[in-house]
Amino acid sequence: MSGIMALVLAQARRDRIVLPVWILGIAFLGFAVAGAVATEFADEADRAAIIGVAAVSPAFLFVRGLPDGAGVGAVVFFQGYAFTAVLAGLMSTFLVIRHTRTDEELGRAELIGSVPIPRAASLTATLMLGAAANLVLALCVAAGFAAAGLPGPGAVTAGAAVGAVGAFFVAASAAIAQVMPSGRAANGAAAGLVGAAYFLRGIGDAFGTPSADLTRVTSGWVSLLSPIGWGQRSRPFSAADPVPLLVLTTAAATLALAVVAVRRGRDLGASLLPERAGRERAGTGGGSFLGLAWGQQRPTMIGWCLFAALLGGIAGGLGPVVSDVIGGNESLRELILRLVPGSRAEIIDVFTAALLGIAGVLAAAAGIQAILRLRAEEAEGRAELLLATPRSRARWLGANLVLAATSVTVVAAVAGTAATIGLTLSGVVNGPPGLLIGAALAHVPAAAVFVAATAVLFAAVPRVSIPLGWGMLAGGLVLGQFGELLRLPAWLQDVSPFRHSAAMPVEPFDPAAALTMTAIALAGAGISAYLLRRRDLTA
């Protein structure tokens, strides 16, 4: 046991900066949302109005979660729980994969295994560290809610809900680490699992049943397939129920024990899903940087496209439902349209614009991941071999920038196409053909700015480019989702490129803003190429 505790401390030391940033960032977000709701919706009538709108709007339910009363705590949980739970899941998956499959891939696990400790000691230590991190996260989130003035028992339950979701993903990502053959594939699959949990929760909530007074919604059975859905059933600020959290933690503990048993019987470096051998010779274009990047990142792009297609299909399929539910209620219609000042948009347009905005975030994430692949190539020594050939660093970076830009465009186009198909199958004619595809592509310039900024980070500060790249996207998403609620200064909200994307079809396309962001992205690409030429490769 002493050996396992030594491993726990060693892993904690490696994460002494990353973990506190995750934990304090999530807790501060909860604190900020709680304070903003208490200030912005101090009057119970205002809270009841916004909850009433959400209860009959599948768009609100899909993005935010389940309304559960008009109290301050209930509105805070409704506004912020789903997002904080996703962040807890991502924190947990990255932690586990980093200390399991990635360490095996890089040879660190082999060094640890050379000492007389049990075969599953390193995995056990990682599971313990993940559980401890989520326990601290739960306490910090609860403290943040309590500091914002929310009732103590509800704050504790809400913190426990976030921590329980994180703990489940600790065990789930440990299972994925046993299945996938590489750290990169395991990270992608684990992050995809978090995204799938959010989508399943969103689908179940969108098809939920509102109460007669429109203050509560009972989710559909689909949300039971999601750990995030189980967490929100704890209802911390209305009728706190610890049973869903007990179910979640029991499932996490059971899965963790099963994963440890699998690890004891698995050879170091092996995986339950074997890695396919590559071709003996490169295919067409395989001798170029662009062809190599395409071969490496094609499966990842396909995964992002599947998520985008799912989101676009939901936007198209649920749009008519939203229009039918709200169209007959003039007061609710007017309240929703006040969320889009100066617009006479149809309700269905507001709904699709909101979900296509999320598709823009997915497109940016696809592009960022394509650029950050360069850092993995450099850290693991493969970039050094590539650049030993008579090819320049600028061409290497440029090929991956082209692929990242392609990923952004394709993911956005897939989301818009799926939304168009969904509306067509629903029998709804909503504007000229290609309108929703254009609406999705309107977010491409903003996503390209994130891609270029990530390339600059890779060229300037490679060792911290991965956390900074993803942190930058998370910051932009927070500014977009919570900027108005938190009453942040307009200049700070304008820092996010997504703030300048036209929310088509609600807003007209702004060619000046799109051209400006495109120019910024191109300038960033040029700066990154210049910086990369002037620095040494780093491990």
Protein backbone atom coordinates (compact mmCIF):
# COMPACT_ATOMS: atom_id res chain seq x y z
CA MET A 1 0.00 0.00 0.00
CA SER A 2 2.90 2.35 0.71
CA GLY A 3 4.04 1.93 -2.90
CA ILE A 4 0.60 2.90 -4.19
CA MET A 5 0.50 5.98 -1.95
CA ALA A 6 3.95 6.98 -3.22
CA LEU A 7 2.59 6.73 -6.77
CA VAL A 8 -0.44 8.84 -5.81
CA LEU A 9 1.85 11.55 -4.47
CA ALA A 10 4.10 11.36 -7.53
CA GLN A 11 1.13 11.72 -9.89
CA ALA A 12 -0.30 14.55 -7.78
CA ARG A 13 3.04 16.34 -8.00
CA ARG A 14 2.98 16.08 -11.80
CA ASP A 15 -0.50 17.65 -11.76
CA ARG A 16 0.21 20.24 -9.07
CA ILE A 17 -0.59 23.08 -11.48
CA VAL A 18 -3.14 21.58 -13.87
CA LEU A 19 -5.51 20.11 -11.27
CA PRO A 20 -5.83 23.23 -9.09
CA VAL A 21 -6.54 25.30 -12.22
CA TRP A 22 -9.32 22.91 -13.23
CA ILE A 23 -10.82 22.70 -9.75
CA LEU A 24 -10.68 26.40 -8.90
CA GLY A 25 -11.90 27.37 -12.38
CA ILE A 26 -14.97 25.14 -12.15
CA ALA A 27 -15.72 26.28 -8.60
CA PHE A 28 -15.34 29.94 -9.54
CA LEU A 29 -17.72 29.48 -12.47
CA GLY A 30 -20.34 28.09 -10.09
CA PHE A 31 -19.78 30.97 -7.68
CA ALA A 32 -20.03 33.55 -10.47
CA VAL A 33 -23.24 32.05 -11.90
CA ALA A 34 -24.81 31.95 -8.43
CA GLY A 35 -23.94 35.58 -7.76
CA ALA A 36 -25.17 36.67 -11.18
CA VAL A 37 -28.53 34.89 -10.83
CA ALA A 38 -29.06 36.39 -7.37
CA THR A 39 -28.39 39.86 -8.81
CA GLU A 40 -29.96 39.60 -12.25
CA PHE A 41 -33.10 37.73 -11.15
CA ALA A 42 -33.56 39.02 -7.61
CA ASP A 43 -37.34 39.15 -8.08
CA GLU A 44 -39.09 35.78 -7.90
CA ALA A 45 -41.45 36.86 -10.69
CA ASP A 46 -38.47 37.33 -13.02
CA ARG A 47 -37.12 33.91 -12.11
CA ALA A 48 -40.53 32.32 -12.64
CA ALA A 49 -40.78 33.98 -16.06
CA ILE A 50 -37.45 32.68 -17.33
CA ILE A 51 -38.14 29.21 -15.90
CA GLY A 52 -41.55 29.23 -17.58
CA VAL A 53 -39.91 29.95 -20.92
CA ALA A 54 -37.34 27.22 -20.40
CA ALA A 55 -39.96 24.66 -19.38
CA VAL A 56 -41.68 24.83 -22.77
CA SER A 57 -38.57 25.33 -24.89
CA PRO A 58 -36.65 22.18 -25.87
CA ALA A 59 -33.76 24.45 -26.89
CA PHE A 60 -33.32 25.75 -23.35
CA LEU A 61 -33.76 22.26 -21.92
CA PHE A 62 -31.22 20.74 -24.30
CA VAL A 63 -28.54 23.36 -23.62
CA ARG A 64 -29.09 24.07 -19.92
CA GLY A 65 -30.91 21.19 -18.23
CA LEU A 66 -34.03 20.75 -16.13
CA PRO A 67 -35.88 23.62 -14.40
CA ASP A 68 -36.77 22.62 -10.85
CA GLY A 69 -38.50 25.57 -9.26
CA ALA A 70 -38.14 29.33 -9.19
CA GLY A 71 -35.89 29.62 -6.12
CA VAL A 72 -32.49 31.23 -6.51
CA GLY A 73 -30.63 27.96 -5.90
CA ALA A 74 -32.84 26.04 -8.34
CA VAL A 75 -32.26 28.62 -11.09
CA VAL A 76 -28.51 28.58 -10.42
CA PHE A 77 -28.42 24.79 -10.71
CA PHE A 78 -30.48 24.94 -13.88
CA GLN A 79 -28.21 27.56 -15.44
CA GLY A 80 -24.83 26.10 -14.54
CA TYR A 81 -24.94 22.42 -13.60
CA ALA A 82 -24.69 20.82 -17.05
CA PHE A 83 -21.71 22.93 -18.06
CA THR A 84 -19.80 22.40 -14.80
CA ALA A 85 -20.52 18.66 -14.98
CA VAL A 86 -19.02 18.53 -18.49
CA LEU A 87 -15.92 20.35 -17.24
CA ALA A 88 -15.63 17.89 -14.32
CA GLY A 89 -15.86 15.01 -16.79
CA LEU A 90 -13.17 16.45 -19.03
CA MET A 91 -10.88 17.12 -16.06
CA SER A 92 -11.27 13.50 -14.96
CA THR A 93 -10.77 11.92 -18.36
CA PHE A 94 -7.64 13.92 -19.18
CA LEU A 95 -6.17 13.11 -15.75
CA VAL A 96 -6.75 9.37 -16.07
CA ILE A 97 -5.58 8.97 -19.66
CA ARG A 98 -2.47 11.05 -18.94
CA HIS A 99 -1.39 8.70 -16.11
CA THR A 100 -2.42 5.40 -17.72
CA ARG A 101 -2.45 4.86 -21.46
CA THR A 102 -0.19 7.82 -22.29
CA ASP A 103 2.39 6.74 -19.69
CA GLU A 104 2.36 3.23 -21.18
CA GLU A 105 2.80 4.64 -24.67
CA LEU A 106 5.75 6.83 -23.64
CA GLY A 107 7.50 4.13 -21.60
CA ARG A 108 7.04 5.68 -18.15
CA ALA A 109 4.79 2.84 -16.98
CA GLU A 110 7.51 0.32 -17.86
CA LEU A 111 9.95 2.07 -15.52
CA ILE A 112 7.38 2.07 -12.72
CA GLY A 113 6.63 -1.60 -13.36
CA SER A 114 10.29 -2.52 -12.95
CA VAL A 115 10.03 -2.07 -9.16
CA PRO A 116 8.37 -4.71 -6.94
CA ILE A 117 4.80 -3.38 -6.88
CA PRO A 118 1.54 -4.99 -8.10
CA ARG A 119 0.85 -4.79 -11.82
CA ALA A 120 -2.24 -2.61 -11.33
CA ALA A 121 -0.59 -0.32 -8.76
CA SER A 122 -0.22 2.62 -11.13
CA LEU A 123 -3.84 2.37 -12.27
CA THR A 124 -5.02 2.07 -8.67
CA ALA A 125 -3.05 5.18 -7.76
CA THR A 126 -4.62 7.06 -10.68
CA LEU A 127 -8.11 6.01 -9.60
CA MET A 128 -7.37 7.18 -6.06
CA LEU A 129 -6.02 10.51 -7.30
CA GLY A 130 -9.06 10.99 -9.53
CA ALA A 131 -11.43 10.24 -6.66
CA ALA A 132 -9.57 12.66 -4.39
CA ALA A 133 -9.56 15.38 -7.05
CA ASN A 134 -13.32 15.08 -7.51
CA LEU A 135 -13.88 15.08 -3.75
CA VAL A 136 -11.94 18.35 -3.52
CA LEU A 137 -13.88 19.64 -6.53
CA ALA A 138 -17.19 18.81 -4.84
CA LEU A 139 -16.12 20.66 -1.69
CA CYS A 140 -14.92 23.69 -3.66
CA VAL A 141 -18.10 23.89 -5.75
CA ALA A 142 -20.19 23.61 -2.56
CA ALA A 143 -18.09 26.32 -0.92
CA GLY A 144 -18.53 28.56 -3.95
CA PHE A 145 -22.31 28.16 -3.88
CA ALA A 146 -22.42 28.75 -0.14
CA ALA A 147 -20.20 31.84 -0.45
CA ALA A 148 -22.67 33.21 -3.00
CA GLY A 149 -25.45 32.98 -0.41
CA LEU A 150 -27.15 29.72 -1.40
CA PRO A 151 -28.46 27.38 1.33
CA GLY A 152 -25.75 25.16 2.79
CA PRO A 153 -27.45 21.73 2.42
CA GLY A 154 -28.37 22.45 -1.20
CA ALA A 155 -24.87 23.73 -1.93
CA VAL A 156 -23.36 20.51 -0.55
CA THR A 157 -25.69 18.36 -2.65
CA ALA A 158 -24.99 20.41 -5.77
CA GLY A 159 -21.25 20.09 -5.22
CA ALA A 160 -21.66 16.36 -4.67
CA ALA A 161 -23.58 16.09 -7.96
CA VAL A 162 -20.68 17.66 -9.88
CA GLY A 163 -18.10 15.54 -8.03
CA ALA A 164 -20.08 12.32 -8.56
CA VAL A 165 -20.19 12.91 -12.31
CA GLY A 166 -16.44 13.50 -12.31
CA ALA A 167 -15.85 10.34 -10.28
CA PHE A 168 -17.89 8.29 -12.75
CA PHE A 169 -15.79 9.55 -15.64
CA VAL A 170 -12.63 8.65 -13.72
CA ALA A 171 -13.70 5.01 -13.80
CA ALA A 172 -15.11 5.21 -17.34
CA SER A 173 -11.94 6.74 -18.79
CA ALA A 174 -9.85 4.12 -16.97
CA ALA A 175 -11.90 1.49 -18.80
CA ILE A 176 -11.32 3.26 -22.11
CA ALA A 177 -7.57 3.29 -21.37
CA GLN A 178 -7.65 -0.51 -21.26
CA VAL A 179 -9.47 -0.71 -24.59
CA MET A 180 -7.78 1.87 -26.81
CA PRO A 181 -4.29 1.24 -28.23
CA SER A 182 -2.87 4.77 -27.83
CA GLY A 183 -3.14 7.78 -25.56
CA ARG A 184 -4.41 9.92 -28.41
CA ALA A 185 -7.21 7.49 -29.26
CA ALA A 186 -8.07 7.05 -25.58
CA ASN A 187 -8.26 10.81 -25.04
CA GLY A 188 -10.52 11.21 -28.04
CA ALA A 189 -12.80 8.35 -27.02
CA ALA A 190 -13.02 9.55 -23.39
CA ALA A 191 -13.79 13.14 -24.41
CA GLY A 192 -16.33 11.76 -26.86
CA LEU A 193 -17.95 9.85 -24.02
CA VAL A 194 -18.33 13.10 -22.06
CA GLY A 195 -19.88 14.75 -25.12
CA ALA A 196 -22.23 11.79 -25.60
CA ALA A 197 -23.32 12.06 -21.97
CA TYR A 198 -24.15 15.73 -22.49
CA PHE A 199 -26.09 14.96 -25.68
CA LEU A 200 -28.06 12.11 -24.10
CA ARG A 201 -28.91 14.30 -21.13
CA GLY A 202 -29.94 17.07 -23.52
CA ILE A 203 -32.17 14.80 -25.61
CA GLY A 204 -33.87 13.37 -22.52
CA ASP A 205 -34.44 16.84 -21.09
CA ALA A 206 -35.67 18.28 -24.40
CA PHE A 207 -38.41 15.64 -24.51
CA GLY A 208 -39.26 16.15 -20.82
CA THR A 209 -42.74 16.86 -19.46
CA PRO A 210 -43.35 20.29 -17.89
CA SER A 211 -45.51 20.70 -14.82
CA ALA A 212 -48.83 22.54 -14.97
CA ASP A 213 -47.35 25.71 -13.45
CA LEU A 214 -44.29 25.58 -15.79
CA THR A 215 -41.80 25.65 -12.92
CA ARG A 216 -40.53 22.08 -13.20
CA VAL A 217 -39.80 19.56 -15.93
CA THR A 218 -39.58 15.77 -15.60
CA SER A 219 -36.94 14.49 -18.00
CA GLY A 220 -37.44 11.66 -20.45
CA TRP A 221 -35.98 8.21 -19.97
CA VAL A 222 -33.08 8.95 -22.35
CA SER A 223 -31.38 11.11 -19.71
CA LEU A 224 -31.03 8.00 -17.52
CA LEU A 225 -28.40 6.81 -19.99
CA SER A 226 -26.22 9.76 -19.01
CA PRO A 227 -24.30 10.20 -15.73
CA ILE A 228 -24.93 13.94 -16.08
CA GLY A 229 -28.64 13.16 -16.20
CA TRP A 230 -28.37 11.13 -13.00
CA GLY A 231 -26.56 13.98 -11.26
CA GLN A 232 -29.23 16.56 -12.03
CA ARG A 233 -31.90 14.27 -10.60
CA SER A 234 -30.47 15.00 -7.15
CA ARG A 235 -32.53 18.26 -7.20
CA PRO A 236 -30.32 19.93 -4.58
CA PHE A 237 -32.25 23.17 -4.03
CA SER A 238 -35.84 21.92 -4.13
CA ALA A 239 -36.20 18.35 -2.85
CA ALA A 240 -32.64 17.07 -2.36
CA ASP A 241 -32.41 13.38 -3.21
CA PRO A 242 -29.05 11.65 -2.62
CA VAL A 243 -30.18 8.35 -4.18
CA PRO A 244 -29.16 9.24 -7.78
CA LEU A 245 -25.72 10.26 -6.51
CA LEU A 246 -25.40 6.98 -4.60
CA VAL A 247 -26.30 5.11 -7.78
CA LEU A 248 -23.68 7.11 -9.69
CA THR A 249 -20.89 6.55 -7.16
CA THR A 250 -21.76 2.86 -6.81
CA ALA A 251 -21.56 2.45 -10.58
CA ALA A 252 -18.21 4.28 -10.58
CA ALA A 253 -16.80 2.06 -7.80
CA THR A 254 -18.02 -1.13 -9.50
CA LEU A 255 -16.56 -0.10 -12.83
CA ALA A 256 -13.26 0.86 -11.17
CA LEU A 257 -12.94 -2.59 -9.56
CA ALA A 258 -13.64 -4.25 -12.90
CA VAL A 259 -11.02 -2.10 -14.62
CA VAL A 260 -8.40 -3.00 -12.02
CA ALA A 261 -9.17 -6.70 -12.60
CA VAL A 262 -8.75 -6.22 -16.36
CA ARG A 263 -5.44 -4.40 -15.86
CA ARG A 264 -4.07 -7.28 -13.77
CA GLY A 265 -4.58 -9.62 -16.71
CA ARG A 266 -3.38 -7.28 -19.45
CA ASP A 267 0.20 -7.01 -20.63
CA LEU A 268 1.89 -3.65 -20.36
CA GLY A 269 1.42 -1.71 -23.58
CA ALA A 270 -1.27 -4.09 -24.86
CA SER A 271 -4.90 -3.09 -25.37
CA LEU A 272 -8.20 -4.89 -25.67
CA LEU A 273 -8.68 -3.21 -29.05
CA PRO A 274 -5.52 -3.97 -31.03
CA GLU A 275 -3.93 -1.24 -33.10
CA ARG A 276 -4.19 -1.87 -36.81
CA ALA A 277 -0.99 -2.14 -38.75
CA GLY A 278 -0.50 0.59 -41.32
CA ARG A 279 0.08 0.12 -44.99
CA GLU A 280 3.42 -1.17 -46.18
CA ARG A 281 3.66 1.85 -48.46
CA ALA A 282 2.05 5.25 -48.23
CA GLY A 283 -0.99 5.87 -50.40
CA THR A 284 -1.48 8.72 -52.82
CA GLY A 285 -0.24 11.93 -51.23
CA GLY A 286 1.32 10.07 -48.32
CA GLY A 287 4.74 11.44 -49.17
CA SER A 288 3.65 15.00 -48.39
CA PHE A 289 3.07 16.72 -45.05
CA LEU A 290 -0.57 17.32 -45.99
CA GLY A 291 -1.14 13.68 -46.93
CA LEU A 292 0.51 12.52 -43.72
CA ALA A 293 -1.63 14.87 -41.63
CA TRP A 294 -4.77 13.68 -43.41
CA GLY A 295 -3.93 10.03 -42.79
CA GLN A 296 -3.28 10.67 -39.12
CA GLN A 297 -6.28 12.85 -38.40
CA ARG A 298 -8.99 11.44 -40.66
CA PRO A 299 -10.60 9.31 -37.89
CA THR A 300 -10.67 12.30 -35.55
CA MET A 301 -12.35 14.48 -38.16
CA ILE A 302 -14.95 11.79 -38.76
CA GLY A 303 -15.70 11.69 -35.03
CA TRP A 304 -16.23 15.46 -34.88
CA CYS A 305 -18.46 15.27 -37.95
CA LEU A 306 -20.62 12.63 -36.30
CA PHE A 307 -21.12 14.86 -33.27
CA ALA A 308 -21.92 17.81 -35.53
CA ALA A 309 -24.41 15.72 -37.52
CA LEU A 310 -26.13 14.66 -34.30
CA LEU A 311 -26.37 18.25 -33.10
CA GLY A 312 -27.61 19.51 -36.47
CA GLY A 313 -30.16 16.72 -36.65
CA ILE A 314 -31.45 17.68 -33.23
CA ALA A 315 -31.70 21.32 -34.32
CA GLY A 316 -33.70 20.38 -37.40
CA GLY A 317 -35.82 17.70 -35.75
CA LEU A 318 -36.80 19.64 -32.64
CA GLY A 319 -37.25 22.99 -34.36
CA PRO A 320 -40.86 22.34 -35.43
CA VAL A 321 -41.68 21.04 -31.94
CA VAL A 322 -40.43 24.29 -30.43
CA SER A 323 -42.43 26.35 -32.90
CA ASP A 324 -45.64 24.41 -32.27
CA VAL A 325 -45.33 24.53 -28.47
CA ILE A 326 -44.53 28.23 -28.18
CA GLY A 327 -46.34 29.57 -31.25
CA GLY A 328 -49.74 29.38 -29.57
CA ASN A 329 -48.63 31.20 -26.41
CA GLU A 330 -48.17 34.88 -27.25
CA SER A 331 -46.75 35.89 -23.85
CA LEU A 332 -44.06 33.22 -23.97
CA ARG A 333 -43.34 34.09 -27.58
CA GLU A 334 -42.79 37.75 -26.73
CA LEU A 335 -40.57 36.87 -23.76
CA ILE A 336 -38.35 34.64 -25.88
CA LEU A 337 -38.07 37.18 -28.65
CA ARG A 338 -36.92 39.76 -26.12
CA LEU A 339 -33.81 37.61 -25.78
CA VAL A 340 -32.99 38.70 -29.34
CA PRO A 341 -33.40 42.48 -29.18
CA GLY A 342 -34.49 44.21 -32.35
CA SER A 343 -35.29 40.95 -34.13
CA ARG A 344 -38.60 39.71 -35.52
CA ALA A 345 -37.21 36.23 -35.99
CA GLU A 346 -39.38 33.16 -35.86
CA ILE A 347 -39.08 30.93 -32.80
CA ILE A 348 -37.72 28.10 -34.93
CA ASP A 349 -34.95 30.42 -36.13
CA VAL A 350 -33.96 31.33 -32.56
CA PHE A 351 -33.75 27.63 -31.70
CA THR A 352 -31.67 26.59 -34.71
CA ALA A 353 -29.38 29.62 -34.34
CA ALA A 354 -28.62 28.63 -30.74
CA LEU A 355 -27.71 25.03 -31.60
CA LEU A 356 -25.75 25.96 -34.71
CA GLY A 357 -23.74 28.30 -32.47
CA ILE A 358 -22.78 25.24 -30.43
CA ALA A 359 -21.86 23.52 -33.69
CA GLY A 360 -19.45 26.42 -34.29
CA VAL A 361 -17.79 25.61 -30.98
CA LEU A 362 -17.46 21.96 -32.08
CA ALA A 363 -15.86 23.12 -35.32
CA ALA A 364 -13.35 25.24 -33.40
CA ALA A 365 -12.56 22.27 -31.14
CA ALA A 366 -11.91 20.08 -34.20
CA GLY A 367 -9.48 22.65 -35.58
CA ILE A 368 -7.70 23.13 -32.26
CA GLN A 369 -7.23 19.39 -31.86
CA ALA A 370 -5.71 19.21 -35.34
CA ILE A 371 -3.13 21.87 -34.42
CA LEU A 372 -2.34 20.39 -31.01
CA ARG A 373 -1.49 17.12 -32.74
CA LEU A 374 1.73 18.91 -33.74
CA ARG A 375 2.72 19.23 -30.09
CA ALA A 376 2.28 15.49 -29.57
CA GLU A 377 4.40 14.79 -32.64
CA GLU A 378 7.12 17.10 -31.30
CA ALA A 379 7.08 15.86 -27.70
CA GLU A 380 7.23 12.21 -28.74
CA GLY A 381 10.17 12.73 -31.10
CA ARG A 382 8.46 12.10 -34.44
CA ALA A 383 8.65 15.73 -35.57
CA GLU A 384 12.43 15.60 -35.32
CA LEU A 385 12.52 12.71 -37.77
CA LEU A 386 10.12 14.44 -40.15
CA LEU A 387 12.06 17.68 -40.15
CA ALA A 388 15.34 15.86 -40.80
CA THR A 389 14.16 15.63 -44.41
CA PRO A 390 14.68 18.59 -46.76
CA ARG A 391 11.32 20.08 -45.81
CA SER A 392 10.80 23.32 -43.90
CA ARG A 393 9.01 23.77 -40.60
CA ALA A 394 6.73 26.31 -42.26
CA ARG A 395 5.49 23.65 -44.71
CA TRP A 396 4.91 21.22 -41.83
CA LEU A 397 2.90 23.79 -39.91
CA GLY A 398 1.15 25.04 -43.03
CA ALA A 399 -0.06 21.56 -43.99
CA ASN A 400 -1.62 21.08 -40.57
CA LEU A 401 -3.13 24.57 -40.65
CA VAL A 402 -4.77 23.71 -43.97
CA LEU A 403 -6.12 20.47 -42.50
CA ALA A 404 -7.36 22.30 -39.39
CA ALA A 405 -9.16 24.88 -41.52
CA THR A 406 -10.67 22.06 -43.56
CA SER A 407 -11.84 20.33 -40.38
CA VAL A 408 -13.49 23.53 -39.16
CA THR A 409 -15.31 24.05 -42.45
CA VAL A 410 -16.40 20.43 -42.89
CA VAL A 411 -17.69 20.07 -39.31
CA ALA A 412 -19.72 23.28 -39.63
CA ALA A 413 -21.08 22.28 -43.03
CA VAL A 414 -22.09 18.84 -41.73
CA ALA A 415 -24.02 20.45 -38.86
CA GLY A 416 -25.83 22.81 -41.23
CA THR A 417 -26.61 20.01 -43.67
CA ALA A 418 -27.98 17.78 -40.91
CA ALA A 419 -30.18 20.64 -39.64
CA THR A 420 -31.49 21.21 -43.17
CA ILE A 421 -32.28 17.52 -43.60
CA GLY A 422 -33.98 17.42 -40.18
CA LEU A 423 -36.26 20.33 -41.06
CA THR A 424 -37.02 18.86 -44.47
CA LEU A 425 -38.00 15.50 -42.97
CA SER A 426 -40.22 17.38 -40.51
CA GLY A 427 -42.05 18.98 -43.41
CA VAL A 428 -40.86 22.50 -42.59
CA VAL A 429 -39.73 24.93 -45.27
CA ASN A 430 -37.62 27.52 -43.48
CA GLY A 431 -36.07 29.99 -45.89
CA PRO A 432 -34.17 29.38 -49.11
CA PRO A 433 -32.20 26.16 -49.69
CA GLY A 434 -28.82 26.23 -48.02
CA LEU A 435 -29.82 28.86 -45.43
CA LEU A 436 -28.91 26.69 -42.44
CA ILE A 437 -25.68 25.52 -44.08
CA GLY A 438 -24.75 29.16 -44.48
CA ALA A 439 -25.78 29.81 -40.87
CA ALA A 440 -23.39 27.11 -39.68
CA LEU A 441 -20.58 28.30 -41.94
CA ALA A 442 -21.00 31.83 -40.55
CA HIS A 443 -19.18 30.60 -37.43
CA VAL A 444 -16.14 29.40 -39.40
CA PRO A 445 -14.21 32.71 -39.28
CA ALA A 446 -14.50 32.85 -35.47
CA ALA A 447 -13.42 29.21 -35.19
CA ALA A 448 -10.48 29.96 -37.49
CA VAL A 449 -9.29 32.66 -35.06
CA PHE A 450 -9.13 30.05 -32.30
CA VAL A 451 -7.17 27.72 -34.60
CA ALA A 452 -4.67 30.44 -35.50
CA ALA A 453 -4.28 31.48 -31.86
CA THR A 454 -3.57 27.86 -30.93
CA ALA A 455 -0.92 27.70 -33.66
CA VAL A 456 0.73 30.82 -32.21
CA LEU A 457 0.72 29.21 -28.75
CA PHE A 458 2.31 26.05 -30.18
CA ALA A 459 5.03 28.07 -31.87
CA ALA A 460 5.68 30.41 -28.94
CA VAL A 461 5.12 28.33 -25.77
CA PRO A 462 4.98 24.67 -26.90
CA ARG A 463 5.20 23.11 -23.43
CA VAL A 464 1.93 24.71 -22.28
CA SER A 465 0.20 24.99 -25.64
CA ILE A 466 -2.20 22.09 -24.97
CA PRO A 467 -3.75 23.42 -21.72
CA LEU A 468 -3.69 26.99 -23.01
CA GLY A 469 -5.29 26.02 -26.32
CA TRP A 470 -8.21 24.19 -24.73
CA GLY A 471 -8.44 26.77 -21.94
CA MET A 472 -8.77 29.50 -24.55
CA LEU A 473 -11.72 27.70 -26.15
CA ALA A 474 -13.33 27.12 -22.74
CA GLY A 475 -12.91 30.81 -21.94
CA GLY A 476 -14.54 31.81 -25.21
CA LEU A 477 -17.42 29.42 -24.52
CA VAL A 478 -17.92 30.79 -20.99
CA LEU A 479 -17.96 34.37 -22.30
CA GLY A 480 -20.52 33.35 -24.92
CA GLN A 481 -22.77 31.29 -22.66
CA PHE A 482 -22.55 33.29 -19.43
CA GLY A 483 -21.23 36.72 -20.43
CA GLU A 484 -24.62 38.43 -20.37
CA LEU A 485 -25.73 36.62 -17.24
CA LEU A 486 -22.54 37.55 -15.38
CA ARG A 487 -22.89 41.16 -16.57
CA LEU A 488 -19.33 41.13 -17.83
CA PRO A 489 -18.09 44.32 -19.51
CA ALA A 490 -18.88 44.50 -23.20
CA TRP A 491 -15.18 44.79 -24.09
CA LEU A 492 -14.46 41.55 -22.23
CA GLN A 493 -17.28 39.72 -23.97
CA ASP A 494 -15.98 41.05 -27.28
CA VAL A 495 -12.69 39.24 -26.67
CA SER A 496 -14.43 36.01 -27.68
CA PRO A 497 -14.48 35.66 -31.50
CA PHE A 498 -17.86 33.92 -31.27
CA ARG A 499 -19.28 37.21 -30.02
CA HIS A 500 -18.77 38.59 -33.53
CA SER A 501 -20.31 35.69 -35.45
CA ALA A 502 -23.70 36.38 -37.01
CA ALA A 503 -26.39 34.22 -35.37
CA MET A 504 -28.02 33.35 -38.67
CA PRO A 505 -30.87 33.04 -39.51
CA VAL A 506 -31.87 35.36 -36.63
CA GLU A 507 -29.28 37.99 -37.56
CA PRO A 508 -28.06 39.00 -41.03
CA PHE A 509 -24.62 37.90 -42.07
CA ASP A 510 -21.96 40.51 -41.28
CA PRO A 511 -19.32 40.37 -44.06
CA ALA A 512 -17.14 43.02 -42.42
CA ALA A 513 -16.84 41.05 -39.17
CA ALA A 514 -16.20 37.82 -41.09
CA LEU A 515 -13.47 39.41 -43.20
CA THR A 516 -11.87 40.96 -40.12
CA MET A 517 -11.74 37.63 -38.30
CA THR A 518 -10.42 35.89 -41.41
CA ALA A 519 -7.65 38.48 -41.66
CA ILE A 520 -6.81 37.98 -37.98
CA ALA A 521 -6.66 34.21 -38.52
CA LEU A 522 -4.36 34.58 -41.53
CA ALA A 523 -2.13 36.97 -39.60
CA GLY A 524 -1.97 34.49 -36.74
CA ALA A 525 -0.98 31.71 -39.13
CA GLY A 526 1.85 33.86 -40.49
CA ILE A 527 3.06 34.78 -37.01
CA SER A 528 3.05 31.14 -35.92
CA ALA A 529 5.13 30.11 -38.96
CA TYR A 530 7.65 32.88 -38.21
CA LEU A 531 7.93 31.93 -34.52
CA LEU A 532 8.26 28.21 -35.28
CA ARG A 533 11.21 28.87 -37.59
CA ARG A 534 13.06 30.72 -34.81
CA ARG A 535 12.77 28.22 -31.96
CA ASP A 536 14.28 24.83 -31.21
CA LEU A 537 12.29 21.63 -31.05
CA THR A 538 11.43 20.70 -27.46
CA ALA A 539 10.64 17.44 -25.76
